[in-house]
Amino acid sequence: MSTASEIAISASATIIPFAEPGRPGRDTRPLRLITCGSVDDGKSTLIGRLLWDTKAVKEDQAASLKRDGSRQNDLGLPDFALLLDGLQAEREQGITIDVAYRYFATDRRSFIVADTPGHEQYTRNMATGASTADLAVLLIDARAGLLEQTRRHATIASLMGIRQFVLAVNKIDLVDYSQFRFEEIATAFREFARNLGPVKVTAIPMSALKGENVVSPAHETMPWYEGPTLVETLEFSPARSSQTGGFRLPVQRVARPGESFRGYQGTVAGGAIKPGDAVTILPSGETAHVRQIVTFDLVRNAAVAGDAVTLVLDRQVDVARGDMIVSEESQPMTGLSFAAKLVALQPEGIEPGKRYWLKAGSRSQRVVVEPQNALDLATGRWNPALHLPMNAIGSVRLDFEEMAIFDAYLDNRTTGAFILIDPETHNTIAGGMITARVTDETATEDGDRVLLSLPADLAEKLLSSDLLAQHRDRIKICKLNAGEAKTVFSAEE
């Protein structure tokens, strides 16, 4: 039935029209997807079945699985989960611990799939897999329905910018292929998905073990379901483009092999660039034009997201590792305070007021984290919180000691993502996504400093006035976005 098989929460996701292989206009980009959900919902089995039915399993690997008769199922088929569970502990316990990436293809498209763990203590690994995915296959055991870990994984996937969900109601054969049970679960997730923002959900009843509605339709056992199979849904799902938005190049290295050459190396994190384009170097704000784009073996006439390049500018500017070269007409946010959402990944959680190292791309900075709200997975509400324990999903304020450079995560995954590192243990204690820049309309005291955000022209007038003339040596100017400056001066004794 269409109301259950295709739940359109929003029209934000569009379907790319199918083009026959080899024909002009065919989208050759692989679709990156993850399987997620609670433990024992059948994630590894589903991917194993996908690999098996799409002939992506090598002959020697298939023969090895068939010889292991102790791990065969009632249908005489091998344990498909063994195609994903590579760690000894995973095989012994029958669970997924680490993220496993596999590749498969159909006649229409190629895919990169990440099998992520369902146990709560391995939530950090699930977040890793979701950070690069275009689509999430969310598995639900038809007998158990929506669980807390199901909601947690769906929320993390949404925070990571995933806007396409396949709700795989698995083990439908264990509830006698009940249409009522399938629609009950689909409706419950539809209600929960209203809190996830603009997402598109396709619900599919299936049996991963038997392969029903995975690659082949199950008309005999589920005549009431008229929607697509899992593979059909994946083939028509669009890949997320990283070439939209402004040009971004986080500088990883300054190359100076001789006096006649100076280039700035890095991987393009967004947009595109060509010789002659105007760029701005952040945080200094200096401008220049691109004179040349160089790779290891040739000079190129353009570069796009994902390309590792060396940029040569038309004039000498001060650029160092950690700076960012951006398009002049479309610049990221800069500032000292940002709002973000994050997932706590260590037992100690996030401590308010503690200084952490924040790493984003090639830039590392000291930051103070102030938790503000935590997500209640049972109700979908954000409740005030002063501390974020392990696996909590929270919204925070980040206060930096020096200028920070970010895009909103929904605009650019690379320049909008970060990790927090404990300076004492060097553990990665959280992964986060920037949502906005915080602008305080009034001055706020920070120790012995006062921060004022003012338009550039107003800041110049204030500094030239007699009022601040005697304090000029105690004032520091930090440039933010175009047309704005931040004035910092010491408080009165």
Protein backbone atom coordinates (compact mmCIF):
# COMPACT_ATOMS: atom_id res chain seq x y z
CA MET A 1 0.00 0.00 0.00
CA SER A 2 1.43 3.34 -0.95
CA THR A 3 0.82 5.04 2.38
CA ALA A 4 3.05 2.57 4.16
CA SER A 5 5.61 1.72 1.52
CA GLU A 6 6.44 5.31 0.67
CA ILE A 7 6.32 7.77 3.57
CA ALA A 8 7.12 11.25 2.26
CA ILE A 9 8.04 13.34 5.30
CA SER A 10 9.33 16.08 3.03
CA ALA A 11 9.89 16.74 -0.64
CA SER A 12 13.50 17.73 0.04
CA ALA A 13 14.94 14.56 -1.50
CA THR A 14 14.53 14.11 -5.21
CA ILE A 15 14.79 10.96 -7.29
CA ILE A 16 17.30 10.87 -10.15
CA PRO A 17 15.65 9.48 -13.30
CA PHE A 18 17.10 6.14 -14.31
CA ALA A 19 19.36 6.05 -17.35
CA GLU A 20 20.48 2.86 -19.06
CA PRO A 21 24.18 1.95 -18.58
CA GLY A 22 26.39 3.63 -21.12
CA ARG A 23 23.87 6.26 -22.09
CA PRO A 24 24.69 9.96 -21.70
CA GLY A 25 23.49 11.44 -18.40
CA ARG A 26 23.92 8.27 -16.35
CA ASP A 27 24.97 9.08 -12.79
CA THR A 28 28.20 7.13 -12.32
CA ARG A 29 28.82 8.25 -8.72
CA PRO A 30 28.58 5.39 -6.23
CA LEU A 31 25.93 5.65 -3.55
CA ARG A 32 27.34 5.48 -0.02
CA LEU A 33 24.98 3.92 2.52
CA ILE A 34 24.98 2.51 6.03
CA THR A 35 22.93 -0.12 7.78
CA CYS A 36 22.00 0.82 11.31
CA GLY A 37 19.54 -0.06 14.03
CA SER A 38 19.46 -2.00 17.28
CA VAL A 39 21.44 -5.14 18.02
CA ASP A 40 20.29 -8.41 16.40
CA ASP A 41 17.98 -6.68 13.94
CA GLY A 42 19.86 -8.32 11.04
CA LYS A 43 22.17 -5.64 9.67
CA SER A 44 25.12 -7.88 8.81
CA THR A 45 22.81 -10.57 7.43
CA LEU A 46 21.12 -8.03 5.17
CA ILE A 47 24.38 -6.78 3.67
CA GLY A 48 25.68 -10.32 3.33
CA ARG A 49 22.51 -11.21 1.45
CA LEU A 50 22.95 -8.16 -0.79
CA LEU A 51 26.54 -9.18 -1.58
CA TRP A 52 25.50 -12.79 -2.22
CA ASP A 53 22.54 -12.02 -4.47
CA THR A 54 24.40 -9.35 -6.48
CA LYS A 55 27.31 -11.78 -7.11
CA ALA A 56 29.75 -9.57 -5.20
CA VAL A 57 31.17 -12.51 -3.21
CA LYS A 58 34.35 -13.98 -4.67
CA GLU A 59 34.33 -17.67 -5.57
CA ASP A 60 36.93 -18.72 -3.01
CA GLN A 61 35.11 -16.81 -0.26
CA ALA A 62 31.79 -18.39 -1.22
CA ALA A 63 33.35 -21.86 -1.24
CA SER A 64 34.86 -21.24 2.20
CA LEU A 65 31.50 -20.20 3.62
CA LYS A 66 29.74 -23.23 2.14
CA ARG A 67 32.34 -25.58 3.65
CA ASP A 68 31.59 -24.21 7.13
CA GLY A 69 28.49 -26.33 7.66
CA SER A 70 28.29 -25.42 11.35
CA ARG A 71 27.35 -21.84 10.44
CA GLN A 72 24.64 -22.60 7.86
CA ASN A 73 21.01 -21.62 8.33
CA ASP A 74 17.85 -23.69 8.00
CA LEU A 75 17.74 -22.92 4.27
CA GLY A 76 21.11 -24.54 3.68
CA LEU A 77 22.72 -21.17 2.96
CA PRO A 78 25.88 -19.88 4.66
CA ASP A 79 25.80 -17.43 7.54
CA PHE A 80 25.76 -14.19 5.55
CA ALA A 81 26.95 -12.18 8.57
CA LEU A 82 30.37 -13.82 8.21
CA LEU A 83 30.89 -11.78 5.05
CA LEU A 84 30.99 -8.66 7.24
CA ASP A 85 32.18 -9.75 10.68
CA GLY A 86 35.94 -9.91 10.25
CA LEU A 87 37.10 -9.56 13.86
CA GLN A 88 37.54 -12.75 15.89
CA ALA A 89 35.40 -11.28 18.68
CA GLU A 90 32.62 -10.56 16.19
CA ARG A 91 32.60 -14.13 14.91
CA GLU A 92 32.68 -15.62 18.41
CA GLN A 93 29.91 -13.44 19.83
CA GLY A 94 27.84 -13.09 16.67
CA ILE A 95 27.81 -9.29 16.92
CA THR A 96 29.21 -6.36 14.97
CA ILE A 97 31.83 -4.22 16.74
CA ASP A 98 33.75 -2.31 14.08
CA VAL A 99 32.52 -0.63 10.91
CA ALA A 100 32.91 -2.89 7.87
CA TYR A 101 32.89 -1.39 4.38
CA ARG A 102 31.93 -3.47 1.37
CA TYR A 103 31.47 -2.74 -2.32
CA PHE A 104 28.89 -4.13 -4.71
CA ALA A 105 27.22 -3.14 -7.95
CA THR A 106 24.18 -3.82 -10.09
CA ASP A 107 23.75 -3.25 -13.81
CA ARG A 108 22.56 0.25 -13.02
CA ARG A 109 24.82 1.51 -10.24
CA SER A 110 27.68 0.85 -7.82
CA PHE A 111 27.46 1.07 -4.02
CA ILE A 112 29.67 1.44 -0.95
CA VAL A 113 27.95 0.06 2.14
CA ALA A 114 29.01 0.36 5.77
CA ASP A 115 27.82 -2.22 8.29
CA THR A 116 27.65 -0.47 11.67
CA PRO A 117 27.28 -2.01 15.16
CA GLY A 118 24.00 -1.97 17.03
CA HIS A 119 25.27 -2.19 20.62
CA GLU A 120 25.05 1.05 22.56
CA GLN A 121 28.72 0.98 23.65
CA TYR A 122 29.77 1.03 19.99
CA THR A 123 27.67 4.06 19.06
CA ARG A 124 30.86 5.96 18.19
CA ASN A 125 31.53 3.48 15.37
CA MET A 126 28.03 3.97 14.01
CA ALA A 127 28.58 7.75 13.95
CA THR A 128 31.78 7.19 11.98
CA GLY A 129 29.95 5.21 9.32
CA ALA A 130 27.14 7.77 9.08
CA SER A 131 29.50 10.71 8.59
CA THR A 132 30.13 9.89 4.92
CA ALA A 133 26.84 8.22 3.94
CA ASP A 134 24.22 9.47 1.51
CA LEU A 135 21.50 7.11 2.74
CA ALA A 136 20.72 5.06 5.85
CA VAL A 137 19.08 1.65 5.84
CA LEU A 138 17.47 1.50 9.27
CA LEU A 139 16.62 -2.05 10.26
CA ILE A 140 13.82 -2.90 12.66
CA ASP A 141 12.96 -6.36 13.93
CA ALA A 142 9.27 -6.80 13.09
CA ARG A 143 8.76 -8.56 16.42
CA ALA A 144 10.36 -5.87 18.61
CA GLY A 145 9.41 -2.67 16.78
CA LEU A 146 11.11 0.68 17.47
CA LEU A 147 13.66 0.56 20.29
CA GLU A 148 15.71 3.27 21.97
CA GLN A 149 18.82 2.34 19.98
CA THR A 150 16.76 2.50 16.78
CA ARG A 151 15.79 6.07 17.63
CA ARG A 152 19.38 6.93 18.61
CA HIS A 153 20.79 5.69 15.31
CA ALA A 154 18.10 7.48 13.29
CA THR A 155 18.80 10.72 15.16
CA ILE A 156 22.56 10.46 14.71
CA ALA A 157 22.11 9.74 11.00
CA SER A 158 19.90 12.80 10.71
CA LEU A 159 22.42 14.98 12.56
CA MET A 160 25.09 13.71 10.18
CA GLY A 161 23.13 15.20 7.31
CA ILE A 162 21.46 12.03 5.99
CA ARG A 163 18.13 12.91 4.47
CA GLN A 164 17.22 9.55 2.89
CA PHE A 165 16.10 6.61 5.02
CA VAL A 166 15.06 3.11 4.04
CA LEU A 167 13.00 1.67 6.88
CA ALA A 168 13.74 -2.05 6.52
CA VAL A 169 11.15 -3.92 8.61
CA ASN A 170 13.15 -7.15 8.82
CA LYS A 171 12.16 -10.66 9.90
CA ILE A 172 8.66 -10.07 8.61
CA ASP A 173 8.39 -13.85 8.10
CA LEU A 174 8.53 -14.31 11.89
CA VAL A 175 5.26 -12.38 12.27
CA ASP A 176 3.52 -14.36 9.51
CA TYR A 177 4.07 -11.60 6.93
CA SER A 178 1.60 -9.40 8.78
CA GLN A 179 0.61 -6.33 6.83
CA PHE A 180 -0.89 -4.82 9.96
CA ARG A 181 2.38 -5.18 11.88
CA PHE A 182 4.37 -3.64 9.04
CA GLU A 183 2.11 -0.61 8.78
CA GLU A 184 2.05 -0.23 12.55
CA ILE A 185 5.86 0.05 12.64
CA ALA A 186 5.94 2.33 9.59
CA THR A 187 3.41 4.68 11.18
CA ALA A 188 5.31 4.77 14.48
CA PHE A 189 8.54 5.69 12.71
CA ARG A 190 6.73 8.31 10.65
CA GLU A 191 5.66 10.02 13.88
CA PHE A 192 9.19 9.85 15.27
CA ALA A 193 10.70 11.12 12.00
CA ARG A 194 8.83 14.41 12.35
CA ASN A 195 11.53 15.38 14.86
CA LEU A 196 14.36 14.63 12.42
CA GLY A 197 13.75 17.53 10.06
CA PRO A 198 13.17 17.22 6.31
CA VAL A 199 13.77 13.54 5.51
CA LYS A 200 12.40 11.06 2.98
CA VAL A 201 11.57 7.55 4.20
CA THR A 202 10.81 4.45 2.15
CA ALA A 203 9.45 1.56 4.23
CA ILE A 204 10.00 -1.99 2.96
CA PRO A 205 8.90 -5.27 4.60
CA MET A 206 11.58 -7.91 4.11
CA SER A 207 13.30 -11.06 5.25
CA ALA A 208 17.05 -10.57 4.91
CA LEU A 209 17.68 -14.25 5.62
CA LYS A 210 15.36 -15.46 2.85
CA GLY A 211 16.15 -12.56 0.52
CA GLU A 212 12.54 -11.45 0.24
CA ASN A 213 12.19 -7.86 -1.06
CA VAL A 214 15.99 -7.44 -0.88
CA VAL A 215 16.97 -8.06 -4.50
CA SER A 216 13.96 -10.06 -5.66
CA PRO A 217 10.33 -9.11 -4.94
CA ALA A 218 8.23 -11.34 -2.67
CA HIS A 219 4.89 -11.35 -4.48
CA GLU A 220 3.93 -14.81 -3.24
CA THR A 221 4.43 -14.23 0.48
CA MET A 222 3.56 -10.50 0.53
CA PRO A 223 1.05 -9.82 -2.24
CA TRP A 224 -0.20 -6.82 -0.28
CA TYR A 225 3.13 -4.97 -0.74
CA GLU A 226 3.37 -3.13 -4.06
CA GLY A 227 6.45 -1.00 -3.38
CA PRO A 228 10.07 -1.34 -4.58
CA THR A 229 12.67 -3.82 -3.37
CA LEU A 230 15.67 -2.60 -1.42
CA VAL A 231 17.97 -2.71 -4.44
CA GLU A 232 15.47 -0.83 -6.60
CA THR A 233 15.21 1.88 -3.96
CA LEU A 234 19.00 2.20 -3.73
CA GLU A 235 19.41 2.38 -7.50
CA PHE A 236 17.16 5.43 -7.75
CA SER A 237 18.44 7.31 -4.67
CA PRO A 238 20.57 10.40 -5.38
CA ALA A 239 24.12 10.73 -4.11
CA ARG A 240 24.89 13.86 -2.15
CA SER A 241 26.95 16.35 -4.13
CA SER A 242 29.94 18.06 -2.48
CA GLN A 243 30.49 20.45 -5.38
CA THR A 244 27.69 22.83 -4.42
CA GLY A 245 28.43 25.94 -2.42
CA GLY A 246 31.61 27.96 -2.29
CA PHE A 247 35.15 26.73 -2.87
CA ARG A 248 36.94 25.42 0.24
CA LEU A 249 40.58 24.31 0.53
CA PRO A 250 41.86 23.62 4.07
CA VAL A 251 45.63 24.11 3.74
CA GLN A 252 47.56 21.02 4.84
CA ARG A 253 51.03 22.03 3.67
CA VAL A 254 52.93 24.91 2.10
CA ALA A 255 55.17 23.60 -0.71
CA ARG A 256 58.37 25.57 -1.40
CA PRO A 257 60.75 23.38 -3.44
CA GLY A 258 62.58 26.45 -4.74
CA GLU A 259 62.58 30.22 -4.71
CA SER A 260 60.47 30.39 -7.86
CA PHE A 261 57.59 28.26 -6.59
CA ARG A 262 55.24 28.54 -3.63
CA GLY A 263 52.12 26.41 -3.55
CA TYR A 264 49.42 25.63 -0.99
CA GLN A 265 48.44 21.98 -0.81
CA GLY A 266 45.27 20.30 0.38
CA THR A 267 42.17 18.39 -0.64
CA VAL A 268 39.29 20.45 -2.01
CA ALA A 269 36.52 20.27 0.60
CA GLY A 270 33.77 21.89 -1.41
CA GLY A 271 32.90 23.75 -4.58
CA ALA A 272 35.19 24.17 -7.59
CA ILE A 273 38.04 26.45 -8.65
CA LYS A 274 39.82 27.42 -11.87
CA PRO A 275 42.75 29.70 -12.74
CA GLY A 276 41.79 33.35 -12.54
CA ASP A 277 39.23 32.92 -9.76
CA ALA A 278 39.42 35.32 -6.82
CA VAL A 279 40.01 33.71 -3.41
CA THR A 280 40.26 34.84 0.21
CA ILE A 281 42.64 33.40 2.79
CA LEU A 282 41.10 32.93 6.22
CA PRO A 283 41.48 33.95 8.98
CA SER A 284 43.75 36.76 7.73
CA GLY A 285 41.23 37.98 5.13
CA GLU A 286 43.86 38.61 2.44
CA THR A 287 42.73 38.21 -1.17
CA ALA A 288 44.44 36.93 -4.29
CA HIS A 289 43.74 35.18 -7.59
CA VAL A 290 44.52 31.60 -8.56
CA ARG A 291 47.38 31.56 -11.07
CA GLN A 292 47.84 27.81 -11.41
CA ILE A 293 46.40 24.48 -10.24
CA VAL A 294 49.03 21.74 -9.99
CA THR A 295 48.85 18.02 -9.22
CA PHE A 296 51.68 15.50 -8.95
CA ASP A 297 51.93 14.97 -12.71
CA LEU A 298 50.20 17.81 -14.53
CA VAL A 299 48.79 21.33 -14.53
CA ARG A 300 45.01 21.37 -14.46
CA ASN A 301 42.44 23.85 -15.70
CA ALA A 302 40.02 23.20 -12.81
CA ALA A 303 39.63 21.38 -9.49
CA VAL A 304 36.51 20.11 -7.74
CA ALA A 305 35.62 18.65 -4.35
CA GLY A 306 37.72 15.60 -3.52
CA ASP A 307 40.71 16.60 -5.65
CA ALA A 308 44.13 16.78 -3.96
CA VAL A 309 45.80 19.83 -5.49
CA THR A 310 48.42 22.53 -5.08
CA LEU A 311 47.22 26.09 -5.62
CA VAL A 312 49.62 28.74 -6.85
CA LEU A 313 48.42 32.31 -6.27
CA ASP A 314 49.23 35.41 -8.28
CA ARG A 315 50.91 37.20 -5.38
CA GLN A 316 52.75 36.43 -2.16
CA VAL A 317 50.43 36.09 0.82
CA ASP A 318 50.88 34.76 4.33
CA VAL A 319 49.33 31.28 4.38
CA ALA A 320 50.06 28.52 6.88
CA ARG A 321 48.82 25.02 7.68
CA GLY A 322 45.35 25.25 9.20
CA ASP A 323 44.34 28.29 7.15
CA MET A 324 41.56 27.96 4.60
CA ILE A 325 41.48 29.25 1.03
CA VAL A 326 37.89 30.04 0.01
CA SER A 327 36.02 31.65 -2.85
CA GLU A 328 35.78 35.39 -2.44
CA GLU A 329 32.06 35.57 -3.22
CA SER A 330 30.99 32.71 -0.91
CA GLN A 331 32.81 32.59 2.39
CA PRO A 332 32.34 30.39 5.47
CA MET A 333 31.44 31.63 8.93
CA THR A 334 34.20 33.00 11.13
CA GLY A 335 33.99 33.89 14.79
CA LEU A 336 34.86 33.06 18.38
CA SER A 337 31.59 31.32 19.35
CA PHE A 338 29.56 28.68 17.54
CA ALA A 339 26.49 26.55 18.22
CA ALA A 340 26.86 22.84 17.57
CA LYS A 341 25.33 19.43 18.14
CA LEU A 342 27.48 16.52 19.19
CA VAL A 343 27.55 12.90 20.34
CA ALA A 344 29.51 12.09 23.50
CA LEU A 345 31.75 9.07 22.85
CA GLN A 346 33.65 8.42 26.10
CA PRO A 347 32.49 7.30 29.58
CA GLU A 348 33.43 10.63 31.16
CA GLY A 349 31.09 12.49 28.81
CA ILE A 350 31.31 16.26 28.23
CA GLU A 351 32.26 18.39 31.21
CA PRO A 352 30.95 21.99 31.22
CA GLY A 353 33.62 24.68 31.18
CA LYS A 354 36.47 22.28 30.45
CA ARG A 355 38.96 23.21 27.74
CA TYR A 356 39.33 20.65 24.96
CA TRP A 357 41.22 20.46 21.73
CA LEU A 358 38.90 20.82 18.74
CA LYS A 359 40.19 19.37 15.47
CA ALA A 360 38.50 20.27 12.20
CA GLY A 361 40.35 19.36 9.02
CA SER A 362 43.98 20.46 9.38
CA ARG A 363 43.20 23.01 12.11
CA SER A 364 43.39 22.34 15.86
CA GLN A 365 42.19 24.91 18.40
CA ARG A 366 41.49 25.20 22.12
CA VAL A 367 37.81 25.46 22.93
CA VAL A 368 35.52 25.62 25.95
CA VAL A 369 32.33 23.55 25.64
CA GLU A 370 29.14 24.62 27.38
CA PRO A 371 26.38 21.96 27.20
CA GLN A 372 22.93 23.47 26.82
CA ASN A 373 20.42 20.73 25.94
CA ALA A 374 20.24 16.94 25.66
CA LEU A 375 17.92 14.95 23.43
CA ASP A 376 15.40 12.69 25.16
CA LEU A 377 15.14 9.79 22.72
CA ALA A 378 11.88 8.57 24.23
CA THR A 379 9.99 11.83 23.67
CA GLY A 380 12.10 13.54 21.01
CA ARG A 381 12.37 16.67 23.16
CA TRP A 382 15.48 18.71 23.89
CA ASN A 383 15.77 19.16 27.65
CA PRO A 384 18.16 21.52 29.49
CA ALA A 385 21.38 19.75 30.49
CA LEU A 386 24.59 20.83 32.22
CA HIS A 387 26.45 17.57 31.53
CA LEU A 388 26.37 15.16 28.60
CA PRO A 389 27.07 11.52 29.53
CA MET A 390 28.38 8.88 27.13
CA ASN A 391 26.22 8.33 24.02
CA ALA A 392 24.17 11.43 24.79
CA ILE A 393 23.16 13.65 21.88
CA GLY A 394 23.33 17.28 22.90
CA SER A 395 23.45 20.87 21.72
CA VAL A 396 26.38 22.95 22.97
CA ARG A 397 28.06 26.31 22.68
CA LEU A 398 31.71 26.38 21.61
CA ASP A 399 33.85 29.32 22.74
CA PHE A 400 37.25 29.59 21.05
CA GLU A 401 40.40 31.39 22.16
CA GLU A 402 41.19 32.43 18.58
CA MET A 403 39.30 32.84 15.34
CA ALA A 404 37.50 29.71 14.11
CA ILE A 405 36.36 28.96 10.56
CA PHE A 406 33.33 26.76 9.78
CA ASP A 407 30.45 26.14 7.43
CA ALA A 408 27.14 24.86 8.74
CA TYR A 409 27.35 21.06 8.61
CA LEU A 410 24.25 20.78 6.44
CA ASP A 411 25.99 23.01 3.86
CA ASN A 412 29.38 21.27 3.92
CA ARG A 413 30.12 18.06 5.80
CA THR A 414 33.88 18.49 5.68
CA THR A 415 34.16 22.07 6.90
CA GLY A 416 31.22 21.77 9.30
CA ALA A 417 32.37 18.70 11.25
CA PHE A 418 34.78 18.39 14.14
CA ILE A 419 36.01 16.10 16.90
CA LEU A 420 36.82 17.00 20.50
CA ILE A 421 40.01 15.62 22.04
CA ASP A 422 40.73 15.43 25.76
CA PRO A 423 44.07 17.25 26.30
CA GLU A 424 44.95 14.94 29.19
CA THR A 425 44.12 11.48 27.80
CA HIS A 426 44.21 12.37 24.06
CA ASN A 427 40.99 10.37 23.63
CA THR A 428 38.40 11.48 21.09
CA ILE A 429 35.57 12.31 23.44
CA ALA A 430 32.95 13.63 20.99
CA GLY A 431 32.08 14.12 17.36
CA GLY A 432 30.10 17.17 16.40
CA MET A 433 28.44 19.26 13.72
CA ILE A 434 28.35 23.05 13.50
CA THR A 435 24.86 24.52 13.23
CA ALA A 436 25.42 28.30 13.37
CA ARG A 437 27.68 31.11 14.52
CA VAL A 438 26.78 32.67 17.86
CA THR A 439 26.57 36.46 17.78
CA ASP A 440 26.09 38.24 21.09
CA GLU A 441 24.24 41.50 20.65
CA THR A 442 25.69 42.81 23.90
CA ALA A 443 29.21 42.77 25.22
CA THR A 444 30.07 39.78 27.41
CA GLU A 445 32.82 39.53 29.95
CA ASP A 446 35.33 36.69 29.56
CA GLY A 447 37.83 36.74 32.39
CA ASP A 448 39.66 40.04 32.07
CA ARG A 449 38.40 40.72 28.55
CA VAL A 450 35.31 42.25 27.03
CA LEU A 451 34.22 41.20 23.53
CA LEU A 452 32.29 43.54 21.26
CA SER A 453 30.94 42.61 17.82
CA LEU A 454 30.64 45.77 15.73
CA PRO A 455 30.38 46.69 12.04
CA ALA A 456 33.83 47.51 10.68
CA ASP A 457 33.11 51.20 10.05
CA LEU A 458 31.63 51.69 13.52
CA ALA A 459 34.62 49.95 15.13
CA GLU A 460 37.01 52.35 13.34
CA LYS A 461 35.04 55.38 14.54
CA LEU A 462 35.02 54.07 18.10
CA LEU A 463 38.77 53.45 18.08
CA SER A 464 39.52 56.91 16.72
CA SER A 465 37.42 58.65 19.37
CA ASP A 466 38.88 60.34 22.43
CA LEU A 467 36.96 57.89 24.62
CA LEU A 468 39.30 54.98 23.86
CA ALA A 469 42.45 56.90 22.94
CA GLN A 470 44.13 56.21 26.29
CA HIS A 471 43.38 52.48 26.03
CA ARG A 472 44.51 52.00 22.41
CA ASP A 473 47.47 49.80 23.41
CA ARG A 474 45.11 47.38 25.18
CA ILE A 475 42.76 46.89 22.22
CA LYS A 476 42.96 44.05 19.72
CA ILE A 477 41.01 43.88 16.47
CA CYS A 478 39.92 40.52 15.02
CA LYS A 479 38.38 40.49 11.55
CA LEU A 480 35.27 38.35 11.06
CA ASN A 481 33.02 38.16 8.02
CA ALA A 482 32.98 40.91 5.46
CA GLY A 483 31.81 44.16 6.97
CA GLU A 484 32.21 43.10 10.59
CA ALA A 485 35.00 43.37 13.15
CA LYS A 486 35.38 42.22 16.73
CA THR A 487 36.94 44.58 19.24
CA VAL A 488 38.66 43.05 22.26
CA PHE A 489 39.97 45.17 25.12
CA SER A 490 40.92 44.56 28.74
CA ALA A 491 38.42 45.34 31.45
CA GLU A 492 39.08 48.20 33.87
CA GLU A 493 41.01 47.35 37.04
